[in-house]
Amino acid sequence: MFSTFGGLPRAAWIVFAGTVVNRLGYVITPFFVFYLGARGVPTAQVPIVLGALGAGNLVGAALGGLLADRFGRRPTMLAGLLGTAAAQGLLFVSPNVPALALSAVLLSAAGSMVGPAASALVTDVVPAVRRRVAFSLVHWAVNIGTAVAGMLGGFLAERGYWLLFALDAATSLAYAAIVALLLPAGRTPRVSTPAAGAGYGVVLRDPLMRALLPLFAVAVMIYSLTEVGLPLAIRDDGLSATTYGLMATLNAVLVVVLQPVATHVFAGVRQVPLYVGASLLVAAGVALTGVANTPWAFAGTVVLWSVGEALIGGLPGAIVASLAPAEARGRYQGGYQWTWGVARFVALSAGTAVYAAAPSALWWLALALGIGAAVGVATLAPAITRRTAAPAKALVAV
């Protein structure tokens, strides 16, 4: 681990530490449905609140990238983290479904503002040749925090849902303190390019990004089926919720253990071929869920897509960072994370509908789309190589 991640700038390690701390509080979303049930929200109205939670991710990711380029990375991260803590309190005290939905939008919007700004900051401070490693480090932080949060969440939920909200708010405030106290407050020289504009036109006018982002979104959509298709398959095979909990734990442990190893072992492999191979592994593992019917069989599929996840690490974010002009790094990351939010929303809604109609169709579709998206990214490899070979531009605002 030290040989792989050693030598990264201090700011990258600050983002790593803050991400681990913040993700320790990622306990609301996994238990949100149970919380709504405890509040007496009718089953028919639960999708309203969940849909609001998903919609906020789309707003926050786009806003975070825009603000990071206009006002700087640090102020945007602080706004998102402080807003997340405040929204947790609003969500907990919301008296009815409309108020819950509004609070859910605010919560997810504030929370998703942080990622684009943090990714742009990492791009600013890390030399181009080390960005792949830096993004892998941040992705590893997400998995470390989430793995621990999964265990904490169940323990705290049994003792009162207010503890979940308190933990999430506390970790957001702790990350805000880390950002305020440890991240640099100054600005580095900004590159002025009139063609970049002030909005997301700079991303939409980039033909390579227009081709690449939908392909990344398909891969995320397939991976997100593990959140909806896998538990449904386990349930329909007559297995308990405990089995799904064990699968989630297996995934978390594998990724946390394997990702630093994979980053080191495959350091010499080019980004795009590695991403293509790993995404094919994820698609195959998810698709094989359709033929699993015992705990051991499900565990085998989880191992397959977890190894793929560990290999991918932070590759998509690093590829996007390598393509972004210096003055638009926040918006490029915002565009990527916006498509990520769309993909998860589609997977959790349309995926459930397809499974309800024909379970086998979902798994065949996942395999076909996964292969298609991987081939699509592979065809873009020469264009990505040409762009990333260009000299790096100056840094922008921190």
Protein backbone atom coordinates (compact mmCIF):
# COMPACT_ATOMS: atom_id res chain seq x y z
CA MET A 1 0.00 0.00 0.00
CA PHE A 2 2.74 2.44 0.95
CA SER A 3 4.72 1.74 -2.22
CA THR A 4 1.59 2.23 -4.29
CA PHE A 5 0.11 5.35 -2.69
CA GLY A 6 3.28 6.87 -1.24
CA GLY A 7 4.41 10.23 -2.52
CA LEU A 8 0.96 11.64 -3.24
CA PRO A 9 0.47 15.31 -2.27
CA ARG A 10 -0.77 16.16 1.21
CA ALA A 11 -4.09 17.47 -0.12
CA ALA A 12 -4.87 14.08 -1.71
CA TRP A 13 -4.38 12.38 1.66
CA ILE A 14 -6.60 14.99 3.32
CA VAL A 15 -9.36 14.15 0.84
CA PHE A 16 -8.74 10.46 1.54
CA ALA A 17 -9.03 10.92 5.32
CA GLY A 18 -12.07 13.15 5.05
CA THR A 19 -13.80 10.71 2.70
CA VAL A 20 -13.24 7.82 5.10
CA VAL A 21 -14.65 9.87 7.97
CA ASN A 22 -17.62 11.07 5.94
CA ARG A 23 -18.43 7.59 4.61
CA LEU A 24 -18.48 6.19 8.15
CA GLY A 25 -21.77 8.05 8.41
CA TYR A 26 -23.22 6.58 5.24
CA VAL A 27 -25.93 4.81 7.21
CA ILE A 28 -29.15 6.61 6.27
CA THR A 29 -29.63 5.40 2.70
CA PRO A 30 -29.29 1.63 3.34
CA PHE A 31 -31.86 1.83 6.15
CA PHE A 32 -34.04 4.59 4.72
CA VAL A 33 -36.91 2.31 3.72
CA PHE A 34 -36.98 0.82 7.22
CA TYR A 35 -36.97 4.31 8.74
CA LEU A 36 -39.89 5.40 6.57
CA GLY A 37 -41.79 2.29 7.65
CA ALA A 38 -41.11 3.10 11.28
CA ARG A 39 -42.48 6.62 10.64
CA GLY A 40 -45.71 5.07 9.33
CA VAL A 41 -45.24 6.19 5.72
CA PRO A 42 -47.56 4.08 3.54
CA THR A 43 -45.86 1.72 1.10
CA ALA A 44 -47.51 3.51 -1.83
CA GLN A 45 -45.86 6.80 -0.81
CA VAL A 46 -42.37 5.42 -0.16
CA PRO A 47 -41.36 5.78 -3.86
CA ILE A 48 -42.12 9.51 -3.63
CA VAL A 49 -39.47 10.02 -0.98
CA LEU A 50 -37.01 7.61 -2.60
CA GLY A 51 -37.48 9.34 -5.95
CA ALA A 52 -36.78 12.68 -4.30
CA LEU A 53 -33.60 11.23 -2.83
CA GLY A 54 -32.49 10.15 -6.30
CA ALA A 55 -33.42 13.46 -7.91
CA GLY A 56 -31.29 15.39 -5.45
CA ASN A 57 -28.20 13.49 -6.59
CA LEU A 58 -28.68 14.83 -10.10
CA VAL A 59 -29.04 18.42 -8.93
CA GLY A 60 -26.14 18.30 -6.49
CA ALA A 61 -23.59 16.71 -8.84
CA ALA A 62 -24.20 19.31 -11.56
CA LEU A 63 -24.22 22.19 -9.07
CA GLY A 64 -21.08 20.98 -7.31
CA GLY A 65 -19.04 20.88 -10.52
CA LEU A 66 -20.24 24.32 -11.56
CA LEU A 67 -19.53 25.94 -8.19
CA ALA A 68 -16.14 24.26 -7.91
CA ASP A 69 -15.00 25.89 -11.14
CA ARG A 70 -16.51 29.28 -10.31
CA PHE A 71 -15.81 29.71 -6.59
CA GLY A 72 -13.18 27.10 -5.84
CA ARG A 73 -12.98 23.54 -4.57
CA ARG A 74 -12.75 24.21 -0.85
CA PRO A 75 -15.80 26.54 -0.53
CA THR A 76 -17.92 24.12 -2.56
CA MET A 77 -16.93 21.16 -0.41
CA LEU A 78 -17.70 23.12 2.75
CA ALA A 79 -21.11 24.20 1.45
CA GLY A 80 -21.99 20.62 0.56
CA LEU A 81 -20.86 19.14 3.86
CA LEU A 82 -22.52 21.77 6.05
CA GLY A 83 -25.67 21.50 3.95
CA THR A 84 -25.66 17.73 4.38
CA ALA A 85 -25.49 18.03 8.16
CA ALA A 86 -28.35 20.56 8.20
CA ALA A 87 -30.48 18.45 5.85
CA GLN A 88 -30.06 15.42 8.12
CA GLY A 89 -31.75 17.34 10.90
CA LEU A 90 -34.53 18.55 8.61
CA LEU A 91 -35.18 15.02 7.36
CA PHE A 92 -35.42 13.63 10.88
CA VAL A 93 -37.95 16.24 12.05
CA SER A 94 -40.02 16.38 8.84
CA PRO A 95 -43.67 15.92 9.87
CA ASN A 96 -45.16 14.49 6.66
CA VAL A 97 -44.41 12.97 3.26
CA PRO A 98 -44.06 16.28 1.33
CA ALA A 99 -41.63 17.57 3.95
CA LEU A 100 -39.73 14.26 3.91
CA ALA A 101 -39.44 14.45 0.12
CA LEU A 102 -38.18 18.04 0.19
CA SER A 103 -35.65 17.21 2.91
CA ALA A 104 -34.52 14.16 0.95
CA VAL A 105 -33.86 16.32 -2.12
CA LEU A 106 -31.84 18.77 -0.04
CA LEU A 107 -29.90 15.97 1.63
CA SER A 108 -28.84 14.19 -1.54
CA ALA A 109 -28.20 17.44 -3.41
CA ALA A 110 -25.90 18.78 -0.69
CA GLY A 111 -24.12 15.46 -0.30
CA SER A 112 -23.47 15.01 -4.02
CA MET A 113 -21.98 18.51 -4.33
CA VAL A 114 -18.85 17.35 -2.53
CA GLY A 115 -17.66 14.69 -4.98
CA PRO A 116 -17.06 16.82 -8.10
CA ALA A 117 -15.23 19.48 -6.08
CA ALA A 118 -13.07 16.90 -4.30
CA SER A 119 -12.26 15.13 -7.58
CA ALA A 120 -11.34 18.43 -9.23
CA LEU A 121 -9.10 19.26 -6.26
CA VAL A 122 -7.31 15.92 -6.57
CA THR A 123 -6.81 16.60 -10.28
CA ASP A 124 -5.37 20.04 -9.48
CA VAL A 125 -2.76 18.90 -6.99
CA VAL A 126 -1.69 15.51 -8.37
CA PRO A 127 0.63 15.28 -11.40
CA ALA A 128 -0.95 13.65 -14.45
CA VAL A 129 1.17 10.50 -14.16
CA ARG A 130 -0.09 9.88 -10.61
CA ARG A 131 -3.79 10.74 -10.97
CA ARG A 132 -4.80 7.16 -11.61
CA VAL A 133 -3.30 6.16 -8.26
CA ALA A 134 -4.82 9.16 -6.50
CA PHE A 135 -8.33 8.41 -7.77
CA SER A 136 -7.89 4.79 -6.75
CA LEU A 137 -6.96 5.99 -3.25
CA VAL A 138 -10.13 8.10 -2.98
CA HIS A 139 -12.27 5.24 -4.29
CA TRP A 140 -10.66 2.98 -1.70
CA ALA A 141 -11.59 5.49 1.01
CA VAL A 142 -15.24 5.29 -0.10
CA ASN A 143 -15.21 1.51 0.25
CA ILE A 144 -13.44 1.53 3.62
CA GLY A 145 -15.96 3.96 5.10
CA THR A 146 -18.96 2.26 3.52
CA ALA A 147 -17.88 -1.17 4.75
CA VAL A 148 -17.64 0.03 8.34
CA ALA A 149 -20.87 2.02 8.00
CA GLY A 150 -22.73 -1.11 6.93
CA MET A 151 -21.84 -2.77 10.20
CA LEU A 152 -22.49 0.34 12.29
CA GLY A 153 -25.84 1.01 10.67
CA GLY A 154 -27.50 -2.22 11.71
CA PHE A 155 -26.20 -1.89 15.26
CA LEU A 156 -27.41 1.71 15.64
CA ALA A 157 -30.76 1.20 13.92
CA GLU A 158 -31.75 -1.37 16.54
CA ARG A 159 -31.16 1.26 19.23
CA GLY A 160 -32.93 4.16 17.58
CA TYR A 161 -33.01 5.67 14.11
CA TRP A 162 -32.02 9.04 15.53
CA LEU A 163 -28.53 7.60 16.02
CA LEU A 164 -28.21 7.09 12.27
CA PHE A 165 -29.02 10.74 11.60
CA ALA A 166 -26.73 11.90 14.38
CA LEU A 167 -23.81 9.85 13.04
CA ASP A 168 -24.30 11.04 9.47
CA ALA A 169 -24.49 14.69 10.55
CA ALA A 170 -21.47 14.31 12.84
CA THR A 171 -19.27 12.76 10.15
CA SER A 172 -20.28 15.47 7.66
CA LEU A 173 -19.30 18.14 10.18
CA ALA A 174 -16.05 16.31 10.91
CA TYR A 175 -15.15 16.25 7.21
CA ALA A 176 -16.06 19.96 6.99
CA ALA A 177 -13.66 20.66 9.86
CA ILE A 178 -10.92 18.69 8.08
CA VAL A 179 -11.51 20.70 4.89
CA ALA A 180 -11.61 24.05 6.72
CA LEU A 181 -8.54 23.43 8.84
CA LEU A 182 -6.27 21.39 6.59
CA LEU A 183 -7.00 22.10 2.95
CA PRO A 184 -5.25 25.16 1.42
CA ALA A 185 -7.40 28.26 1.20
CA GLY A 186 -5.48 30.10 -1.51
CA ARG A 187 -5.93 30.15 -5.27
CA THR A 188 -3.50 28.98 -7.89
CA PRO A 189 -3.39 30.71 -11.29
CA ARG A 190 -6.51 30.20 -13.38
CA VAL A 191 -6.38 29.44 -17.07
CA SER A 192 -8.67 31.79 -18.98
CA THR A 193 -10.28 30.20 -22.04
CA PRO A 194 -13.35 32.03 -23.38
CA ALA A 195 -14.47 28.91 -25.25
CA ALA A 196 -14.92 27.10 -21.93
CA GLY A 197 -17.80 29.38 -20.95
CA ALA A 198 -19.39 29.34 -17.51
CA GLY A 199 -21.75 26.35 -17.74
CA TYR A 200 -21.79 22.74 -18.89
CA GLY A 201 -21.55 23.65 -22.56
CA VAL A 202 -17.82 22.96 -22.31
CA VAL A 203 -18.60 19.33 -21.48
CA LEU A 204 -21.46 18.94 -23.96
CA ARG A 205 -19.39 20.37 -26.81
CA ASP A 206 -16.65 17.80 -26.23
CA PRO A 207 -17.38 14.91 -28.65
CA LEU A 208 -15.21 12.50 -26.71
CA MET A 209 -17.09 13.17 -23.48
CA ARG A 210 -20.43 12.89 -25.27
CA ALA A 211 -19.42 9.40 -26.38
CA LEU A 212 -17.70 8.32 -23.17
CA LEU A 213 -20.13 9.40 -20.45
CA PRO A 214 -23.09 7.29 -21.65
CA LEU A 215 -20.81 4.24 -21.80
CA PHE A 216 -19.62 4.86 -18.24
CA ALA A 217 -23.27 5.30 -17.23
CA VAL A 218 -24.22 1.89 -18.64
CA ALA A 219 -21.44 0.26 -16.63
CA VAL A 220 -22.62 1.99 -13.45
CA MET A 221 -26.21 0.95 -14.18
CA ILE A 222 -25.15 -2.71 -14.43
CA TYR A 223 -23.18 -2.51 -11.21
CA SER A 224 -26.14 -0.86 -9.46
CA LEU A 225 -28.25 -3.95 -10.20
CA THR A 226 -26.40 -5.52 -7.27
CA GLU A 227 -28.46 -3.22 -5.05
CA VAL A 228 -31.83 -4.29 -6.45
CA GLY A 229 -31.52 -7.42 -8.61
CA LEU A 230 -29.32 -9.35 -6.21
CA PRO A 231 -31.57 -8.99 -3.13
CA LEU A 232 -34.64 -9.81 -5.24
CA ALA A 233 -32.98 -12.93 -6.61
CA ILE A 234 -31.91 -14.03 -3.14
CA ARG A 235 -35.43 -13.50 -1.83
CA ASP A 236 -37.06 -15.37 -4.71
CA ASP A 237 -34.78 -18.35 -4.14
CA GLY A 238 -36.17 -18.64 -0.62
CA LEU A 239 -33.07 -17.34 1.13
CA SER A 240 -33.11 -14.89 4.02
CA ALA A 241 -32.13 -11.24 4.24
CA THR A 242 -29.13 -12.42 6.24
CA THR A 243 -27.79 -14.02 3.06
CA TYR A 244 -27.89 -10.68 1.30
CA GLY A 245 -26.15 -9.08 4.28
CA LEU A 246 -23.38 -11.67 4.00
CA MET A 247 -23.03 -10.96 0.26
CA ALA A 248 -22.75 -7.22 0.93
CA THR A 249 -20.10 -7.88 3.59
CA LEU A 250 -18.18 -10.18 1.23
CA ASN A 251 -18.16 -7.48 -1.44
CA ALA A 252 -16.96 -4.81 1.00
CA VAL A 253 -14.16 -6.96 2.40
CA LEU A 254 -12.94 -8.06 -1.03
CA VAL A 255 -12.81 -4.54 -2.45
CA VAL A 256 -11.11 -3.06 0.63
CA VAL A 257 -8.48 -5.81 0.62
CA LEU A 258 -7.94 -6.18 -3.12
CA GLN A 259 -8.05 -2.63 -4.44
CA PRO A 260 -4.61 -1.48 -3.17
CA VAL A 261 -3.12 -4.76 -4.43
CA ALA A 262 -4.76 -4.35 -7.83
CA THR A 263 -3.61 -0.75 -8.09
CA HIS A 264 -0.02 -1.84 -7.47
CA VAL A 265 0.00 -5.00 -9.61
CA PHE A 266 -1.66 -3.40 -12.64
CA ALA A 267 0.10 -0.04 -12.40
CA GLY A 268 1.86 -0.68 -15.71
CA VAL A 269 -1.33 -1.56 -17.60
CA ARG A 270 -2.91 1.24 -19.61
CA GLN A 271 -6.07 2.73 -18.13
CA VAL A 272 -8.56 1.99 -20.90
CA PRO A 273 -7.68 -1.70 -21.49
CA LEU A 274 -7.76 -2.31 -17.74
CA TYR A 275 -11.12 -0.60 -17.42
CA VAL A 276 -12.55 -2.59 -20.33
CA GLY A 277 -11.41 -5.93 -18.89
CA ALA A 278 -12.64 -5.09 -15.40
CA SER A 279 -16.03 -3.86 -16.61
CA LEU A 280 -16.50 -7.11 -18.56
CA LEU A 281 -15.76 -8.98 -15.33
CA VAL A 282 -18.41 -6.95 -13.49
CA ALA A 283 -20.98 -7.53 -16.23
CA ALA A 284 -20.30 -11.29 -16.23
CA GLY A 285 -20.54 -11.50 -12.44
CA VAL A 286 -23.81 -9.57 -12.31
CA ALA A 287 -25.31 -11.59 -15.19
CA LEU A 288 -24.43 -14.90 -13.52
CA THR A 289 -26.67 -13.89 -10.61
CA GLY A 290 -29.46 -15.23 -12.81
CA VAL A 291 -28.19 -18.82 -12.53
CA ALA A 292 -27.24 -18.75 -8.84
CA ASN A 293 -29.64 -20.36 -6.36
CA THR A 294 -27.58 -21.22 -3.27
CA PRO A 295 -25.55 -19.03 -0.90
CA TRP A 296 -22.29 -20.45 -2.26
CA ALA A 297 -23.35 -19.81 -5.85
CA PHE A 298 -24.34 -16.24 -5.04
CA ALA A 299 -21.00 -15.80 -3.25
CA GLY A 300 -19.20 -16.92 -6.41
CA THR A 301 -20.94 -14.23 -8.47
CA VAL A 302 -20.17 -11.61 -5.82
CA VAL A 303 -16.48 -12.55 -5.89
CA LEU A 304 -16.45 -12.11 -9.67
CA TRP A 305 -17.96 -8.62 -9.80
CA SER A 306 -16.12 -7.53 -6.65
CA VAL A 307 -12.77 -8.35 -8.27
CA GLY A 308 -13.89 -6.30 -11.26
CA GLU A 309 -14.82 -3.42 -8.97
CA ALA A 310 -11.43 -3.59 -7.26
CA LEU A 311 -9.66 -3.50 -10.63
CA ILE A 312 -11.68 -0.51 -11.81
CA GLY A 313 -11.04 1.48 -8.63
CA GLY A 314 -11.10 5.15 -9.58
CA LEU A 315 -10.30 4.61 -13.28
CA PRO A 316 -13.37 6.39 -14.74
CA GLY A 317 -12.75 9.50 -12.63
CA ALA A 318 -9.06 9.45 -13.57
CA ILE A 319 -9.88 9.14 -17.27
CA VAL A 320 -12.33 12.04 -17.07
CA ALA A 321 -9.72 14.08 -15.17
CA SER A 322 -7.17 13.44 -17.91
CA LEU A 323 -9.58 14.73 -20.56
CA ALA A 324 -10.70 17.89 -18.74
CA PRO A 325 -9.21 21.30 -19.56
CA ALA A 326 -7.80 22.91 -16.42
CA GLU A 327 -10.48 25.60 -16.28
CA ALA A 328 -13.34 23.06 -16.42
CA ARG A 329 -12.19 20.21 -14.17
CA GLY A 330 -15.04 20.65 -11.74
CA ARG A 331 -17.67 20.59 -14.50
CA TYR A 332 -16.14 17.55 -16.17
CA GLN A 333 -16.28 15.69 -12.85
CA GLY A 334 -19.78 17.06 -12.25
CA GLY A 335 -20.86 15.77 -15.66
CA TYR A 336 -19.43 12.34 -14.93
CA GLN A 337 -21.07 12.12 -11.50
CA TRP A 338 -24.36 13.40 -12.92
CA THR A 339 -24.47 10.51 -15.39
CA TRP A 340 -23.57 8.23 -12.49
CA GLY A 341 -26.65 9.46 -10.66
CA VAL A 342 -28.84 8.94 -13.74
CA ALA A 343 -27.52 5.40 -14.14
CA ARG A 344 -28.29 4.47 -10.54
CA PHE A 345 -31.76 5.99 -10.78
CA VAL A 346 -32.50 3.97 -13.94
CA ALA A 347 -31.12 0.76 -12.43
CA LEU A 348 -33.16 1.07 -9.24
CA SER A 349 -36.39 1.91 -11.07
CA ALA A 350 -36.29 0.27 -14.50
CA GLY A 351 -34.24 -2.65 -13.17
CA THR A 352 -36.98 -3.51 -10.70
CA ALA A 353 -39.62 -3.28 -13.44
CA VAL A 354 -37.71 -5.57 -15.81
CA TYR A 355 -37.08 -8.09 -13.05
CA ALA A 356 -40.77 -8.12 -12.13
CA ALA A 357 -41.71 -8.84 -15.74
CA ALA A 358 -39.03 -11.44 -16.52
CA PRO A 359 -36.08 -12.03 -14.16
CA SER A 360 -33.98 -13.81 -16.76
CA ALA A 361 -34.34 -10.86 -19.14
CA LEU A 362 -32.65 -8.57 -16.61
CA TRP A 363 -29.53 -10.74 -16.42
CA TRP A 364 -29.26 -11.24 -20.20
CA LEU A 365 -29.72 -7.50 -20.66
CA ALA A 366 -26.98 -6.77 -18.12
CA LEU A 367 -24.56 -9.04 -19.99
CA ALA A 368 -25.40 -7.62 -23.42
CA LEU A 369 -25.22 -3.99 -22.29
CA GLY A 370 -22.02 -4.65 -20.36
CA ILE A 371 -20.28 -6.13 -23.37
CA GLY A 372 -21.54 -3.34 -25.62
CA ALA A 373 -20.39 -0.58 -23.26
CA ALA A 374 -16.95 -2.18 -22.80
CA VAL A 375 -16.47 -2.51 -26.56
CA GLY A 376 -17.56 1.10 -26.96
CA VAL A 377 -14.97 2.36 -24.48
CA ALA A 378 -12.31 0.21 -26.17
CA THR A 379 -13.02 1.88 -29.52
CA LEU A 380 -12.46 5.28 -27.90
CA ALA A 381 -9.02 4.28 -26.57
CA PRO A 382 -7.01 5.87 -29.43
CA ALA A 383 -8.85 9.19 -29.04
CA ILE A 384 -8.36 9.13 -25.25
CA THR A 385 -4.65 8.40 -25.72
CA ARG A 386 -4.24 11.32 -28.11
CA ARG A 387 -5.94 13.71 -25.69
CA THR A 388 -4.08 12.55 -22.59
CA ALA A 389 -0.74 12.78 -24.36
CA ALA A 390 -1.18 16.58 -24.67
CA PRO A 391 0.77 18.72 -22.17
CA ALA A 392 -1.06 19.45 -18.94
CA LYS A 393 -2.40 22.96 -18.46
CA ALA A 394 -2.02 25.18 -15.44
CA LEU A 395 -3.87 24.56 -12.22
CA VAL A 396 -7.14 26.24 -11.25
CA ALA A 397 -8.66 27.45 -7.98
CA VAL A 398 -8.38 25.29 -4.91
